[in-house]
C-alpha atoms as a PDB file:
ATOM      1  CA  MET A   1      27.492   2.096  20.069  1.00  0.00           C
ATOM      2  CA  GLN A   2      29.574  -0.655  18.492  1.00  0.00           C
ATOM      3  CA  ARG A   3      26.830  -3.176  19.236  1.00  0.00           C
ATOM      4  CA  HIS A   4      24.230  -1.170  17.318  1.00  0.00           C
ATOM      5  CA  LEU A   5      26.350  -0.773  14.198  1.00  0.00           C
ATOM      6  CA  ALA A   6      25.419  -4.327  13.180  1.00  0.00           C
ATOM      7  CA  PHE A   7      23.120  -4.952  10.208  1.00  0.00           C
ATOM      8  CA  PHE A   8      19.511  -3.978  10.903  1.00  0.00           C
ATOM      9  CA  ASN A   9      16.748  -3.731   8.328  1.00  0.00           C
ATOM     10  CA  THR A  10      13.008  -3.474   8.852  1.00  0.00           C
ATOM     11  CA  MET A  11      10.001  -1.425   7.792  1.00  0.00           C
ATOM     12  CA  PRO A  12      10.801   2.151   8.951  1.00  0.00           C
ATOM     13  CA  TYR A  13       7.560   2.748  10.839  1.00  0.00           C
ATOM     14  CA  MET A  14       7.787  -0.578  12.673  1.00  0.00           C
ATOM     15  CA  GLN A  15      11.333   0.198  13.759  1.00  0.00           C
ATOM     16  CA  SER A  16      10.062   2.345  16.621  1.00  0.00           C
ATOM     17  CA  THR A  17       8.686  -0.666  18.481  1.00  0.00           C
ATOM     18  CA  ILE A  18      12.039  -2.431  18.284  1.00  0.00           C
ATOM     19  CA  THR A  19      13.869   0.717  19.342  1.00  0.00           C
ATOM     20  CA  GLY A  20      11.683   0.986  22.427  1.00  0.00           C
ATOM     21  CA  VAL A  21      12.318  -2.631  23.433  1.00  0.00           C
ATOM     22  CA  VAL A  22      16.063  -2.325  22.828  1.00  0.00           C
ATOM     23  CA  LEU A  23      16.202   0.913  24.818  1.00  0.00           C
ATOM     24  CA  SER A  24      14.513  -0.829  27.742  1.00  0.00           C
ATOM     25  CA  MET A  25      16.979  -3.722  27.550  1.00  0.00           C
ATOM     26  CA  GLU A  26      19.990  -1.403  27.342  1.00  0.00           C
ATOM     27  CA  GLU A  27      18.745   0.465  30.389  1.00  0.00           C
ATOM     28  CA  GLN A  28      18.320  -2.761  32.340  1.00  0.00           C
ATOM     29  CA  ARG A  29      21.793  -3.935  31.285  1.00  0.00           C
ATOM     30  CA  ALA A  30      23.336  -0.614  32.336  1.00  0.00           C
ATOM     31  CA  ASN A  31      21.666  -0.972  35.736  1.00  0.00           C
ATOM     32  CA  GLY A  32      23.184  -4.406  36.253  1.00  0.00           C
ATOM     33  CA  GLY A  33      20.354  -6.567  34.942  1.00  0.00           C
ATOM     34  CA  LEU A  34      20.996 -10.106  33.724  1.00  0.00           C
ATOM     35  CA  ILE A  35      20.964  -9.141  30.046  1.00  0.00           C
ATOM     36  CA  GLU A  36      23.830  -9.978  27.727  1.00  0.00           C
ATOM     37  CA  ALA A  37      24.864  -8.056  24.629  1.00  0.00           C
ATOM     38  CA  GLU A  38      23.929 -11.058  22.490  1.00  0.00           C
ATOM     39  CA  ASP A  39      20.420 -10.986  23.942  1.00  0.00           C
ATOM     40  CA  ILE A  40      19.915  -7.447  22.694  1.00  0.00           C
ATOM     41  CA  ASN A  41      21.172  -8.270  19.213  1.00  0.00           C
ATOM     42  CA  ASN A  42      19.046 -11.407  19.075  1.00  0.00           C
ATOM     43  CA  VAL A  43      15.912  -9.425  19.972  1.00  0.00           C
ATOM     44  CA  LYS A  44      16.599  -6.916  17.209  1.00  0.00           C
ATOM     45  CA  VAL A  45      17.176  -9.616  14.619  1.00  0.00           C
ATOM     46  CA  GLY A  46      14.206 -11.659  15.788  1.00  0.00           C
ATOM     47  CA  MET A  47      11.739  -8.751  15.646  1.00  0.00           C
ATOM     48  CA  MET A  48      12.786  -6.960  12.486  1.00  0.00           C
ATOM     49  CA  GLY A  49      11.530  -9.642  10.076  1.00  0.00           C
ATOM     50  CA  PRO A  50       8.032 -10.286  11.484  1.00  0.00           C
ATOM     51  CA  LEU A  51       7.313  -6.597  12.048  1.00  0.00           C
ATOM     52  CA  ALA A  52       8.455  -5.726   8.530  1.00  0.00           C
ATOM     53  CA  GLY A  53       6.122  -8.411   7.186  1.00  0.00           C
ATOM     54  CA  VAL A  54       3.234  -6.703   8.959  1.00  0.00           C
ATOM     55  CA  GLY A  55       4.231  -3.105   8.284  1.00  0.00           C
ATOM     56  CA  ASP A  56       4.582  -3.387   4.512  1.00  0.00           C
ATOM     57  CA  PRO A  57       1.014  -4.568   3.726  1.00  0.00           C
ATOM     58  CA  VAL A  58      -0.561  -2.344   6.388  1.00  0.00           C
ATOM     59  CA  TRP A  59       1.224   0.911   5.556  1.00  0.00           C
ATOM     60  CA  TRP A  60       2.384   0.636   1.930  1.00  0.00           C
ATOM     61  CA  SER A  61      -0.422  -1.559   0.557  1.00  0.00           C
ATOM     62  CA  THR A  62      -3.408  -0.337   2.579  1.00  0.00           C
ATOM     63  CA  ILE A  63      -3.204   2.953   4.454  1.00  0.00           C
ATOM     64  CA  ARG A  64      -1.155   4.920   1.922  1.00  0.00           C
ATOM     65  CA  PRO A  65      -3.075   3.838  -1.242  1.00  0.00           C
ATOM     66  CA  VAL A  66      -6.468   4.317   0.449  1.00  0.00           C
ATOM     67  CA  LEU A  67      -5.532   7.765   1.723  1.00  0.00           C
ATOM     68  CA  ALA A  68      -4.032   8.695  -1.649  1.00  0.00           C
ATOM     69  CA  ALA A  69      -7.170   7.536  -3.473  1.00  0.00           C
ATOM     70  CA  PHE A  70      -9.339   9.661  -1.197  1.00  0.00           C
ATOM     71  CA  ALA A  71      -7.056  12.681  -1.650  1.00  0.00           C
ATOM     72  CA  VAL A  72      -7.012  12.327  -5.443  1.00  0.00           C
ATOM     73  CA  GLY A  73     -10.797  12.145  -5.453  1.00  0.00           C
ATOM     74  CA  LEU A  74     -10.911  15.433  -3.557  1.00  0.00           C
ATOM     75  CA  ALA A  75      -8.311  16.993  -5.860  1.00  0.00           C
ATOM     76  CA  ASN A  76     -10.468  16.152  -8.886  1.00  0.00           C
ATOM     77  CA  SER A  77     -13.538  17.739  -7.310  1.00  0.00           C
ATOM     78  CA  GLN A  78     -14.425  21.299  -6.377  1.00  0.00           C
ATOM     79  CA  VAL A  79     -12.179  21.482  -3.309  1.00  0.00           C
ATOM     80  CA  GLY A  80      -8.927  21.155  -5.300  1.00  0.00           C
ATOM     81  CA  ILE A  81      -5.939  21.848  -3.042  1.00  0.00           C
ATOM     82  CA  VAL A  82      -7.680  20.333  -0.015  1.00  0.00           C
ATOM     83  CA  GLY A  83      -6.885  16.844  -1.358  1.00  0.00           C
ATOM     84  CA  PRO A  84      -3.058  17.104  -1.286  1.00  0.00           C
ATOM     85  CA  LEU A  85      -3.134  19.007   2.005  1.00  0.00           C
ATOM     86  CA  LEU A  86      -5.346  16.375   3.586  1.00  0.00           C
ATOM     87  CA  PHE A  87      -3.035  13.600   2.413  1.00  0.00           C
ATOM     88  CA  PHE A  88       0.053  15.369   3.758  1.00  0.00           C
ATOM     89  CA  ILE A  89      -1.480  16.188   7.151  1.00  0.00           C
ATOM     90  CA  VAL A  90      -3.259  12.892   7.801  1.00  0.00           C
ATOM     91  CA  TRP A  91      -0.395  10.704   6.553  1.00  0.00           C
ATOM     92  CA  ASN A  92       2.198  12.423   8.715  1.00  0.00           C
ATOM     93  CA  ALA A  93      -0.116  12.519  11.723  1.00  0.00           C
ATOM     94  CA  LEU A  94      -0.726   8.772  11.407  1.00  0.00           C
ATOM     95  CA  ARG A  95       2.863   7.718  10.930  1.00  0.00           C
ATOM     96  CA  LEU A  96       4.363  10.048  13.552  1.00  0.00           C
ATOM     97  CA  GLY A  97       1.655   9.250  16.080  1.00  0.00           C
ATOM     98  CA  PHE A  98       2.078   5.520  15.451  1.00  0.00           C
ATOM     99  CA  ARG A  99       5.847   5.680  15.799  1.00  0.00           C
ATOM    100  CA  GLY A 100       5.664   7.663  19.013  1.00  0.00           C
ATOM    101  CA  TYR A 101       3.064   5.371  20.562  1.00  0.00           C
ATOM    102  CA  THR A 102       4.755   2.112  19.584  1.00  0.00           C
ATOM    103  CA  GLN A 103       8.165   3.291  20.773  1.00  0.00           C
ATOM    104  CA  MET A 104       6.747   4.070  24.202  1.00  0.00           C
ATOM    105  CA  LEU A 105       4.849   0.786  24.160  1.00  0.00           C
ATOM    106  CA  GLY A 106       8.052  -1.110  23.383  1.00  0.00           C
ATOM    107  CA  TYR A 107       9.966   0.769  26.073  1.00  0.00           C
ATOM    108  CA  HIS A 108       7.428   0.174  28.842  1.00  0.00           C
ATOM    109  CA  SER A 109       6.714  -3.415  27.785  1.00  0.00           C
ATOM    110  CA  GLY A 110      10.303  -4.549  27.252  1.00  0.00           C
ATOM    111  CA  LEU A 111      10.510  -8.237  26.471  1.00  0.00           C
ATOM    112  CA  ASN A 112       6.858  -8.566  27.451  1.00  0.00           C
ATOM    113  CA  ILE A 113       6.069  -7.115  24.027  1.00  0.00           C
ATOM    114  CA  THR A 114       6.001 -10.713  22.827  1.00  0.00           C
ATOM    115  CA  GLN A 115       2.573 -11.021  24.435  1.00  0.00           C
ATOM    116  CA  TYR A 116       1.255  -8.569  21.839  1.00  0.00           C
ATOM    117  CA  LEU A 117       3.059 -10.284  18.990  1.00  0.00           C
ATOM    118  CA  SER A 118       2.362 -13.905  19.908  1.00  0.00           C
ATOM    119  CA  GLY A 119      -0.299 -16.152  18.472  1.00  0.00           C
ATOM    120  CA  ASP A 120      -2.056 -15.431  15.212  1.00  0.00           C
ATOM    121  CA  LEU A 121      -2.435 -11.652  15.714  1.00  0.00           C
ATOM    122  CA  LEU A 122       0.217 -10.630  13.180  1.00  0.00           C
ATOM    123  CA  PRO A 123      -0.895 -13.046  10.412  1.00  0.00           C
ATOM    124  CA  ARG A 124      -4.515 -11.969  10.838  1.00  0.00           C
ATOM    125  CA  LEU A 125      -3.567  -8.303  10.768  1.00  0.00           C
ATOM    126  CA  THR A 126      -1.512  -8.801   7.617  1.00  0.00           C
ATOM    127  CA  GLN A 127      -4.264 -10.745   5.895  1.00  0.00           C
ATOM    128  CA  GLY A 128      -6.922  -8.220   6.888  1.00  0.00           C
ATOM    129  CA  ALA A 129      -4.840  -5.293   5.617  1.00  0.00           C
ATOM    130  CA  SER A 130      -4.216  -7.065   2.302  1.00  0.00           C
ATOM    131  CA  ILE A 131      -7.914  -7.809   1.813  1.00  0.00           C
ATOM    132  CA  LEU A 132      -8.893  -4.224   2.637  1.00  0.00           C
ATOM    133  CA  GLY A 133      -6.267  -2.839   0.265  1.00  0.00           C
ATOM    134  CA  MET A 134      -7.425  -5.054  -2.598  1.00  0.00           C
ATOM    135  CA  PHE A 135     -11.060  -4.146  -1.904  1.00  0.00           C
ATOM    136  CA  ILE A 136     -10.313  -0.411  -2.064  1.00  0.00           C
ATOM    137  CA  MET A 137      -8.212  -0.754  -5.201  1.00  0.00           C
ATOM    138  CA  GLY A 138     -10.978  -2.793  -6.813  1.00  0.00           C
ATOM    139  CA  ALA A 139     -13.412   0.038  -6.154  1.00  0.00           C
ATOM    140  CA  VAL A 140     -10.966   2.644  -7.466  1.00  0.00           C
ATOM    141  CA  VAL A 141     -10.148   0.891 -10.772  1.00  0.00           C
ATOM    142  CA  PRO A 142     -13.455   1.572 -12.612  1.00  0.00           C
ATOM    143  CA  ARG A 143     -13.525   5.126 -11.268  1.00  0.00           C
ATOM    144  CA  TRP A 144     -10.065   6.162 -12.424  1.00  0.00           C
ATOM    145  CA  THR A 145      -9.602   3.969 -15.494  1.00  0.00           C
ATOM    146  CA  VAL A 146     -11.848   5.276 -18.263  1.00  0.00           C
ATOM    147  CA  ILE A 147     -11.879   3.502 -21.632  1.00  0.00           C
ATOM    148  CA  ASN A 148     -14.433   4.547 -24.259  1.00  0.00           C
ATOM    149  CA  PHE A 149     -15.311   2.607 -27.432  1.00  0.00           C
ATOM    150  CA  PRO A 150     -17.336   4.961 -29.661  1.00  0.00           C
ATOM    151  CA  THR A 151     -17.658   2.469 -32.548  1.00  0.00           C
ATOM    152  CA  ILE A 152     -21.311   2.007 -33.551  1.00  0.00           C
ATOM    153  CA  VAL A 153     -22.624  -1.547 -33.761  1.00  0.00           C
ATOM    154  CA  GLY A 154     -25.629  -2.019 -36.029  1.00  0.00           C
ATOM    155  CA  SER A 155     -27.177   0.463 -38.431  1.00  0.00           C
ATOM    156  CA  GLY A 156     -29.810   3.160 -38.388  1.00  0.00           C
ATOM    157  CA  ARG A 157     -31.879   3.614 -35.279  1.00  0.00           C
ATOM    158  CA  ASN A 158     -30.843   0.185 -34.049  1.00  0.00           C
ATOM    159  CA  GLY A 159     -27.195   1.170 -33.911  1.00  0.00           C
ATOM    160  CA  VAL A 160     -25.584   1.373 -30.465  1.00  0.00           C
ATOM    161  CA  SER A 161     -22.065   2.117 -29.394  1.00  0.00           C
ATOM    162  CA  MET A 162     -19.663  -0.658 -28.509  1.00  0.00           C
ATOM    163  CA  GLN A 163     -19.311   1.004 -25.100  1.00  0.00           C
ATOM    164  CA  TYR A 164     -23.040   0.542 -24.457  1.00  0.00           C
ATOM    165  CA  VAL A 165     -22.808  -3.145 -25.346  1.00  0.00           C
ATOM    166  CA  LEU A 166     -19.844  -3.657 -23.006  1.00  0.00           C
ATOM    167  CA  ASN A 167     -21.621  -1.836 -20.185  1.00  0.00           C
ATOM    168  CA  GLN A 168     -24.609  -4.113 -20.603  1.00  0.00           C
ATOM    169  CA  ILE A 169     -22.331  -7.139 -20.194  1.00  0.00           C
ATOM    170  CA  LEU A 170     -20.512  -5.779 -17.142  1.00  0.00           C
ATOM    171  CA  PRO A 171     -19.838  -2.106 -16.311  1.00  0.00           C
ATOM    172  CA  GLY A 172     -16.115  -1.499 -15.948  1.00  0.00           C
ATOM    173  CA  LEU A 173     -15.209  -4.799 -17.633  1.00  0.00           C
ATOM    174  CA  VAL A 174     -12.515  -3.362 -19.934  1.00  0.00           C
ATOM    175  CA  PRO A 175     -10.769  -1.308 -17.192  1.00  0.00           C
ATOM    176  CA  LEU A 176     -10.748  -4.428 -15.021  1.00  0.00           C
ATOM    177  CA  LEU A 177      -9.245  -6.549 -17.786  1.00  0.00           C
ATOM    178  CA  LEU A 178      -6.670  -3.853 -18.517  1.00  0.00           C
ATOM    179  CA  THR A 179      -5.673  -3.664 -14.846  1.00  0.00           C
ATOM    180  CA  LEU A 180      -5.398  -7.432 -14.529  1.00  0.00           C
ATOM    181  CA  GLY A 181      -3.347  -7.544 -17.723  1.00  0.00           C
ATOM    182  CA  CYS A 182      -0.931  -4.914 -16.370  1.00  0.00           C
ATOM    183  CA  LEU A 183      -0.597  -6.818 -13.104  1.00  0.00           C
ATOM    184  CA  TRP A 184       0.116 -10.009 -15.026  1.00  0.00           C
ATOM    185  CA  LEU A 185       2.854  -8.273 -17.025  1.00  0.00           C
ATOM    186  CA  ILE A 186       4.380  -6.825 -13.861  1.00  0.00           C
ATOM    187  CA  ARG A 187       4.447 -10.319 -12.350  1.00  0.00           C
ATOM    188  CA  LYS A 188       6.275 -11.411 -15.489  1.00  0.00           C
ATOM    189  CA  ARG A 189       8.894  -8.781 -14.585  1.00  0.00           C
ATOM    190  CA  VAL A 190       8.008  -6.369 -17.361  1.00  0.00           C
ATOM    191  CA  ASN A 191       9.511  -2.965 -16.581  1.00  0.00           C
ATOM    192  CA  PRO A 192       6.717  -0.578 -15.447  1.00  0.00           C
ATOM    193  CA  ILE A 193       8.263   2.203 -17.550  1.00  0.00           C
ATOM    194  CA  TRP A 194       7.854   0.114 -20.703  1.00  0.00           C
ATOM    195  CA  LEU A 195       4.349  -0.754 -19.583  1.00  0.00           C
ATOM    196  CA  MET A 196       3.444   2.930 -19.298  1.00  0.00           C
ATOM    197  CA  ILE A 197       4.952   3.659 -22.707  1.00  0.00           C
ATOM    198  CA  GLY A 198       2.950   0.778 -24.179  1.00  0.00           C
ATOM    199  CA  LEU A 199      -0.280   2.158 -22.720  1.00  0.00           C
ATOM    200  CA  PHE A 200       0.457   5.569 -24.243  1.00  0.00           C
ATOM    201  CA  VAL A 201       1.118   4.000 -27.645  1.00  0.00           C
ATOM    202  CA  VAL A 202      -2.050   1.909 -27.522  1.00  0.00           C
ATOM    203  CA  GLY A 203      -4.063   4.967 -26.469  1.00  0.00           C
ATOM    204  CA  PHE A 204      -2.727   7.163 -29.285  1.00  0.00           C
ATOM    205  CA  LEU A 205      -3.131   4.491 -31.944  1.00  0.00           C
ATOM    206  CA  GLY A 206      -6.599   3.598 -30.662  1.00  0.00           C
ATOM    207  CA  TYR A 207      -7.765   7.199 -30.823  1.00  0.00           C
ATOM    208  CA  TRP A 208      -6.157   7.771 -34.241  1.00  0.00           C
ATOM    209  CA  SER A 209      -7.887   4.702 -35.665  1.00  0.00           C
ATOM    210  CA  GLY A 210     -11.242   5.617 -34.134  1.00  0.00           C
ATOM    211  CA  ILE A 211     -11.461   2.493 -31.969  1.00  0.00           C
ATOM    212  CA  LEU A 212     -10.999   4.499 -28.773  1.00  0.00           C
ATOM    213  CA  GLY A 213     -12.623   7.811 -27.903  1.00  0.00           C
ATOM    214  CA  LEU A 214     -12.343  10.503 -25.277  1.00  0.00           C
END
């Protein structure tokens, strides 16, 4: 017990794999195996960083946003409550099933788990999850971010709305630029709360002045 009170920090869902490996090592040590206490601590420390680096982009940046986007789309449609229920059921089924499977995998594999983690598997998995997450978010941006410019350009029958002109250039151009601008500000360490307040202010002033429409 004293040995496992040392500092340990990793992505929660990836912790199960480490727990399984450590449990296998503790069992071998208790049965007289040639495993020292330092070996167990070293395995925990050595695995928690790489697995956290994989778990964060896969779970937080890919699976959860994609599932949430799908659920929100359902919530905005005719099915209503099915969206939140689907998110709750599928998310918990995925994470609990993954944790149970990986803990048993770690337990039965022991130190041989390094065969699964060696080579370029983890970097490729991380990169693939990041690309998929960005792809999904790119598809969601023009669907959820709606900006309308009702201002008429031209006169008489030749007049067209500014929104029509922008759509002819590139549909979803303004939502994309707005999203990229928000990301740039976040990278500059602008507080997201102030960013949200700024968007509200711009929206109200834009509608009041007639530049923006519903």
